[in-house]
Protein backbone atom coordinates (compact mmCIF):
# COMPACT_ATOMS: atom_id res chain seq x y z
CA MET A 1 -20.34 18.51 1.03
CA GLU A 2 -21.03 14.80 1.63
CA GLN A 3 -24.27 13.22 0.20
CA ILE A 4 -26.57 11.60 2.75
CA LEU A 5 -27.84 8.43 1.28
CA PRO A 6 -30.83 6.49 2.40
CA TYR A 7 -30.63 2.81 3.67
CA THR A 8 -33.53 1.30 1.70
CA PRO A 9 -34.59 -2.27 1.50
CA GLN A 10 -33.39 -2.51 -1.96
CA VAL A 11 -29.69 -1.39 -0.68
CA ALA A 12 -29.95 -3.81 2.03
CA GLU A 13 -30.66 -6.64 -0.31
CA ALA A 14 -27.96 -5.55 -2.66
CA THR A 15 -25.29 -5.44 0.10
CA LYS A 16 -26.34 -8.28 2.11
CA HIS A 17 -23.72 -10.72 0.84
CA ILE A 18 -20.93 -8.24 1.54
CA TYR A 19 -22.19 -7.46 5.06
CA ASP A 20 -22.43 -11.26 5.62
CA ARG A 21 -18.75 -11.41 4.98
CA VAL A 22 -17.70 -8.52 7.11
CA SER A 23 -20.15 -8.59 9.96
CA THR A 24 -17.44 -9.74 12.33
CA ILE A 25 -15.42 -6.45 11.86
CA ILE A 26 -18.07 -3.95 11.03
CA PRO A 27 -20.69 -3.28 13.73
CA ASP A 28 -24.23 -3.66 12.42
CA VAL A 29 -25.09 -0.04 13.78
CA GLU A 30 -22.46 1.18 11.18
CA TRP A 31 -23.73 -0.70 8.26
CA PRO A 32 -26.79 1.47 7.08
CA ILE A 33 -24.30 4.29 6.80
CA HIS A 34 -21.88 2.34 4.69
CA ALA A 35 -24.23 0.15 2.63
CA PRO A 36 -25.92 3.12 0.46
CA TYR A 37 -22.46 4.11 -0.81
CA ILE A 38 -21.28 0.72 -1.27
CA ALA A 39 -24.25 -0.04 -3.53
CA LEU A 40 -24.21 3.13 -5.64
CA ILE A 41 -20.26 2.85 -6.14
CA ASN A 42 -20.50 -0.63 -7.29
CA GLU A 43 -23.33 0.29 -9.68
CA LEU A 44 -21.47 3.37 -11.09
CA LYS A 45 -18.21 1.32 -11.61
CA THR A 46 -20.00 -0.88 -14.16
CA GLU A 47 -21.56 1.97 -15.93
CA GLN A 48 -18.28 3.67 -16.35
CA ASN A 49 -16.09 0.82 -17.02
CA ALA A 50 -13.88 1.68 -14.00
CA ILE A 51 -11.72 -0.39 -11.73
CA LEU A 52 -11.31 0.25 -8.05
CA LEU A 53 -7.88 -0.69 -6.66
CA ALA A 54 -7.41 -0.62 -2.92
CA HIS A 55 -4.24 -0.92 -0.72
CA ASN A 56 -4.23 -3.29 2.25
CA TYR A 57 -4.43 -0.31 4.57
CA GLN A 58 -7.90 0.89 3.53
CA THR A 59 -10.75 0.61 5.83
CA PRO A 60 -12.80 -2.66 5.72
CA GLU A 61 -15.86 -1.07 4.08
CA ILE A 62 -13.67 -0.01 1.17
CA TYR A 63 -11.41 -3.05 1.04
CA HIS A 64 -14.26 -5.66 1.22
CA GLY A 65 -17.17 -3.34 0.03
CA VAL A 66 -16.07 -1.76 -3.28
CA ALA A 67 -12.63 -2.88 -4.14
CA ASP A 68 -12.08 -4.92 -7.53
CA TYR A 69 -8.55 -5.54 -6.40
CA THR A 70 -6.71 -5.38 -3.12
CA GLY A 71 -3.00 -5.64 -2.52
CA ASP A 72 0.26 -4.09 -1.44
CA SER A 73 2.05 -1.47 -3.56
CA LEU A 74 3.52 -4.18 -6.05
CA GLY A 75 0.17 -5.79 -6.50
CA LEU A 76 -1.62 -2.48 -7.29
CA ALA A 77 1.18 -1.80 -9.77
CA GLN A 78 0.73 -5.20 -11.39
CA LYS A 79 -3.03 -4.72 -11.72
CA ALA A 80 -2.74 -1.37 -13.22
CA SER A 81 -0.39 -2.56 -15.86
CA GLU A 82 -3.09 -5.28 -16.84
CA THR A 83 -6.48 -3.74 -16.55
CA ASP A 84 -8.51 -2.91 -19.71
CA ALA A 85 -10.85 -0.44 -17.70
CA ASP A 86 -11.27 3.13 -18.91
CA VAL A 87 -11.04 4.56 -15.42
CA ILE A 88 -8.75 3.52 -12.66
CA ILE A 89 -9.54 4.79 -9.12
CA LEU A 90 -6.65 4.29 -6.76
CA CYS A 91 -7.79 3.93 -3.07
CA GLY A 92 -4.41 4.57 -1.48
CA VAL A 93 -1.90 7.65 -1.55
CA GLU A 94 -0.90 9.73 -4.29
CA PHE A 95 2.25 8.25 -5.33
CA MET A 96 0.35 4.88 -5.94
CA ALA A 97 -2.05 6.86 -8.22
CA GLU A 98 0.89 8.18 -10.01
CA THR A 99 2.46 4.72 -10.51
CA ALA A 100 -0.84 3.68 -12.11
CA LYS A 101 -0.83 6.70 -14.39
CA ILE A 102 2.87 6.02 -15.28
CA LEU A 103 1.72 2.48 -16.57
CA ASN A 104 -1.42 3.81 -18.18
CA PRO A 105 -0.97 7.28 -19.58
CA GLU A 106 -3.86 7.02 -21.80
CA LYS A 107 -6.44 6.22 -19.15
CA LYS A 108 -8.02 8.35 -16.48
CA VAL A 109 -6.41 7.68 -13.14
CA LEU A 110 -8.21 9.11 -10.20
CA VAL A 111 -7.36 9.57 -6.49
CA PRO A 112 -10.35 10.42 -4.31
CA ASP A 113 -8.31 12.91 -2.16
CA LEU A 114 -5.36 14.76 -3.23
CA ARG A 115 -4.28 15.24 0.30
CA ALA A 116 -3.43 11.48 0.65
CA GLY A 117 0.24 11.92 0.79
CA CYS A 118 3.27 9.88 2.21
CA SER A 119 5.85 10.80 4.66
CA LEU A 120 8.29 8.64 2.57
CA ALA A 121 7.53 10.20 -0.73
CA ASP A 122 7.76 13.79 0.88
CA SER A 123 11.17 12.86 2.16
CA ILE A 124 12.93 13.17 -1.12
CA THR A 125 12.91 14.92 -4.36
CA GLY A 126 14.27 14.34 -7.86
CA ARG A 127 16.91 17.01 -7.19
CA ASP A 128 18.04 15.07 -4.14
CA VAL A 129 18.49 11.93 -6.31
CA ARG A 130 20.42 14.02 -8.94
CA LEU A 131 22.82 15.23 -6.33
CA LEU A 132 23.25 11.68 -4.94
CA LYS A 133 24.20 10.57 -8.37
CA GLU A 134 26.75 13.18 -8.68
CA ARG A 135 28.29 12.18 -5.44
CA TYR A 136 28.19 8.47 -6.29
CA PRO A 137 28.80 8.36 -10.12
CA GLY A 138 27.96 5.08 -11.83
CA VAL A 139 26.25 3.72 -8.71
CA PRO A 140 22.69 2.26 -9.60
CA VAL A 141 19.68 3.84 -7.86
CA VAL A 142 17.06 1.62 -6.47
CA THR A 143 14.03 3.42 -5.39
CA TYR A 144 11.37 2.25 -3.20
CA VAL A 145 7.90 2.58 -5.08
CA ASN A 146 6.88 4.82 -2.22
CA THR A 147 8.04 7.84 -4.16
CA SER A 148 7.03 10.49 -6.63
CA ALA A 149 7.19 10.24 -10.37
CA ASP A 150 9.86 12.83 -10.41
CA VAL A 151 11.97 10.53 -8.02
CA LYS A 152 11.40 7.38 -10.06
CA ALA A 153 12.43 9.26 -13.22
CA GLU A 154 15.88 9.54 -11.87
CA SER A 155 16.11 5.88 -10.92
CA ASP A 156 17.45 2.90 -12.47
CA VAL A 157 14.86 0.46 -11.07
CA CYS A 158 11.91 0.71 -8.48
CA CYS A 159 11.15 -1.88 -5.92
CA THR A 160 8.81 -2.74 -3.23
CA SER A 161 9.32 -4.20 0.30
CA SER A 162 8.48 -7.74 -1.27
CA ASN A 163 11.25 -7.73 -4.01
CA ALA A 164 13.88 -5.11 -2.73
CA VAL A 165 16.32 -7.61 -1.87
CA GLN A 166 15.86 -9.53 -5.00
CA ILE A 167 16.36 -6.42 -7.01
CA VAL A 168 19.47 -5.45 -5.18
CA GLU A 169 21.19 -8.70 -5.68
CA ALA A 170 20.05 -9.07 -9.35
CA LEU A 171 21.94 -5.85 -10.30
CA ASN A 172 25.36 -7.67 -9.78
CA THR A 173 27.13 -4.67 -8.45
CA ASP A 174 29.12 -3.95 -5.31
CA ARG A 175 27.03 -0.86 -4.31
CA VAL A 176 23.73 0.51 -4.66
CA ILE A 177 21.96 3.74 -3.66
CA PHE A 178 18.64 2.63 -1.89
CA LEU A 179 16.06 5.43 -1.52
CA PRO A 180 14.17 6.61 0.38
CA ASP A 181 13.27 4.25 3.45
CA ASN A 182 16.11 4.13 5.73
CA TYR A 183 14.78 1.21 7.76
CA LEU A 184 13.75 -0.75 4.70
CA GLY A 185 17.36 -0.02 3.45
CA LYS A 186 18.94 -1.37 6.54
CA TYR A 187 16.84 -4.44 6.36
CA VAL A 188 17.97 -5.11 2.55
CA ALA A 189 21.65 -4.31 3.72
CA SER A 190 21.42 -7.05 6.56
CA LYS A 191 20.23 -9.58 3.84
CA THR A 192 22.86 -9.03 1.13
CA ASP A 193 26.71 -8.49 0.74
CA VAL A 194 25.98 -5.47 -1.36
CA GLU A 195 26.78 -2.08 0.12
CA VAL A 196 23.82 -0.06 0.55
CA ILE A 197 24.03 3.67 0.50
CA LEU A 198 20.89 4.99 2.42
CA TRP A 199 18.60 7.85 2.60
CA ASN A 200 17.13 9.16 5.87
CA GLY A 201 13.35 8.76 4.94
CA THR A 202 11.06 6.98 7.27
CA CYS A 203 7.30 5.89 7.24
CA GLU A 204 5.43 7.72 10.00
CA VAL A 205 3.45 4.72 10.88
CA HIS A 206 6.10 2.12 11.06
CA GLU A 207 8.68 4.14 12.87
CA ARG A 208 6.42 4.70 15.77
CA PHE A 209 6.54 0.75 16.72
CA THR A 210 9.08 -0.02 19.43
CA ALA A 211 10.87 -3.17 20.46
CA LYS A 212 9.45 -2.71 23.88
CA GLU A 213 6.09 -2.79 22.59
CA LEU A 214 6.74 -6.23 20.83
CA HIS A 215 8.47 -7.50 23.98
CA ASN A 216 5.30 -6.66 26.10
CA TYR A 217 3.35 -8.66 23.61
CA ARG A 218 5.42 -11.84 24.33
CA ILE A 219 4.87 -11.25 28.12
CA THR A 220 1.12 -10.82 27.99
CA THR A 221 0.54 -13.41 25.35
CA PRO A 222 3.39 -15.95 25.25
CA ASP A 223 2.02 -17.95 22.36
CA ILE A 224 1.66 -14.96 19.99
CA GLN A 225 3.21 -14.91 16.56
CA ILE A 226 4.68 -11.28 15.55
CA ILE A 227 4.99 -10.53 12.01
CA ALA A 228 6.32 -7.19 11.09
CA HIS A 229 6.80 -4.86 8.22
CA PRO A 230 10.41 -4.11 7.12
CA GLU A 231 9.71 -0.42 7.19
CA CYS A 232 9.96 -0.66 10.96
CA PRO A 233 13.08 0.00 12.98
CA PRO A 234 15.78 -2.82 12.95
CA GLU A 235 15.18 -3.49 16.75
CA VAL A 236 11.43 -4.02 16.15
CA LEU A 237 12.24 -6.42 13.21
CA ASP A 238 14.67 -8.41 15.58
CA GLU A 239 11.63 -9.14 17.83
CA ALA A 240 9.56 -10.35 15.04
CA ASP A 241 8.97 -14.10 14.04
CA PHE A 242 8.48 -13.09 10.41
CA VAL A 243 9.38 -9.97 8.42
CA GLY A 244 7.60 -9.19 5.04
CA SER A 245 5.55 -7.05 2.91
CA THR A 246 1.90 -6.74 3.50
CA ALA A 247 1.24 -9.40 0.89
CA GLY A 248 3.92 -11.50 2.59
CA MET A 249 2.19 -11.05 5.88
CA ILE A 250 -1.17 -12.43 4.52
CA LYS A 251 0.62 -15.35 2.77
CA TYR A 252 2.45 -16.14 6.29
CA VAL A 253 -0.91 -16.28 8.10
CA ASP A 254 -2.42 -18.43 5.28
CA ARG A 255 0.51 -20.77 5.62
CA GLU A 256 1.14 -21.05 9.20
CA ARG A 257 -2.40 -20.46 10.56
CA PRO A 258 -1.13 -19.16 13.97
CA GLY A 259 -3.50 -19.29 16.89
CA LYS A 260 -2.79 -15.68 17.69
CA VAL A 261 -0.97 -13.05 15.75
CA VAL A 262 -0.02 -9.34 15.75
CA MET A 263 0.78 -7.52 12.60
CA ILE A 264 3.18 -4.83 13.12
CA THR A 265 1.92 -2.58 10.50
CA GLU A 266 -0.89 -0.09 9.64
CA CYS A 267 -4.14 -0.48 11.81
CA SER A 268 -6.69 -1.56 9.14
CA MET A 269 -4.46 -4.46 7.90
CA SER A 270 -5.51 -6.77 10.86
CA ASP A 271 -9.25 -6.05 10.34
CA ASN A 272 -8.96 -6.87 6.47
CA VAL A 273 -7.13 -9.91 6.96
CA ALA A 274 -9.13 -11.27 9.83
CA VAL A 275 -12.21 -11.71 7.57
CA GLU A 276 -10.13 -14.26 5.55
CA PHE A 277 -9.11 -16.22 8.63
CA PRO A 278 -11.63 -16.42 11.19
CA ASP A 279 -9.91 -19.27 13.03
CA VAL A 280 -6.99 -16.85 13.79
CA HIS A 281 -6.99 -14.44 16.68
CA PHE A 282 -5.74 -11.00 15.63
CA ILE A 283 -4.20 -8.74 18.41
CA ARG A 284 -4.72 -5.30 17.05
CA PRO A 285 -2.18 -2.52 17.45
CA CYS A 286 -3.73 0.57 16.12
CA ASN A 287 -1.25 2.91 14.37
CA LEU A 288 -3.17 4.68 11.77
CA CYS A 289 -2.00 6.22 8.44
CA PRO A 290 -3.50 9.58 8.46
CA HIS A 291 -3.12 9.71 4.55
CA MET A 292 -4.82 6.35 3.85
CA LYS A 293 -7.76 7.34 6.04
CA ARG A 294 -8.56 10.39 3.97
CA ILE A 295 -9.98 7.99 1.32
CA THR A 296 -13.61 7.35 2.24
CA LEU A 297 -16.70 6.03 0.80
CA PRO A 298 -18.35 9.48 0.18
CA ASN A 299 -15.05 10.84 -1.62
CA ILE A 300 -14.89 7.58 -3.54
CA LEU A 301 -18.46 8.21 -4.88
CA ALA A 302 -17.67 11.78 -5.57
CA SER A 303 -14.59 10.73 -7.49
CA LEU A 304 -16.70 8.47 -9.77
CA GLN A 305 -19.45 10.92 -10.14
CA GLU A 306 -17.34 13.86 -10.97
CA LEU A 307 -14.30 12.11 -12.50
CA LYS A 308 -11.95 13.73 -9.82
CA PHE A 309 -9.17 14.04 -8.86
CA GLU A 310 -7.36 13.20 -12.06
CA ILE A 311 -3.66 12.56 -11.96
CA GLN A 312 -1.76 14.59 -14.30
CA LEU A 313 1.96 14.14 -15.11
CA ASP A 314 4.51 15.70 -17.12
CA MET A 315 4.95 13.18 -19.95
CA THR A 316 8.69 13.47 -20.03
CA ILE A 317 9.13 12.67 -16.15
CA ALA A 318 6.38 9.99 -16.93
CA SER A 319 8.20 8.32 -19.69
CA ARG A 320 11.44 8.22 -17.92
CA ALA A 321 9.83 6.79 -14.78
CA LEU A 322 8.26 4.00 -16.93
CA GLY A 323 11.33 2.44 -17.27
CA ALA A 324 12.32 1.99 -13.71
CA VAL A 325 8.69 0.94 -12.89
CA ARG A 326 8.59 -1.68 -15.64
CA LYS A 327 12.01 -3.11 -14.47
CA MET A 328 10.31 -3.65 -11.04
CA LEU A 329 7.54 -5.51 -12.62
CA GLU A 330 9.87 -7.66 -14.61
CA PHE A 331 11.60 -8.82 -11.49
CA SER A 332 8.20 -9.90 -10.08
CA LYS A 333 7.09 -12.03 -12.88
């Protein structure tokens, strides 16, 4: 049961600098609800030598209020590999917490809600990969980081949307098996001469966007810049001005400073980035990830207080998966 925390003058003072930063995206009526959790979470993190890693799709009160580091899947994996914290709380989905545990087998890695899954990770199993390797002997397996540890353990190298093309080309091979995102795989195939053998997984958030939707943005807002995540369908990417990972999108906005922009990705991304760029007008499509939204301030607090839910991995699987994850990080140096 969620704790009800009081909004005291002490809490208001302790969180004032945070609210000053996010007041344009979090209504003042909501702040007395969020602030007590933010204050207590930040206090407990220090006491327990814990670090809180939050994905770009987390809600603003988490992203700006309690996260020590924010980023895409690659950024979170990099930070997890570098931290000297005793406890890692992964505010994202379960495969991200598994990746952090693979890189830090001796540390406590917690995820605030074990139901925070992923349609991509659920689309494939280690057994599926073993069968593919039997069908295509000798063909290297490039696996998107949005997968379970069991799948990573069967892979030659992992990748993220930001380095997938680079990794495929660096393998110096004529063919690769690319798993599991079909749309990201098609995007990679369009950028390389390597034959890409695809799986039929999709992201339930990104697959809902349509080319017609993007075309309508052009009609209603002719001067808009459209930037899209490569997990979207190919016809959606064809309508975009820029295609890139969530980290790539942020860099694009920072570099180009468009007057008006729409980010074709998960709903909270625009809110979080808008804080950094008050001079840019963000049109906000709202396709929510139901799994990311399972992470809340109350269950982050409970995770810290009770040290739950701890990620436990089979050490044989984890050690095999470590090689593929480390190769991904090496490509990103």
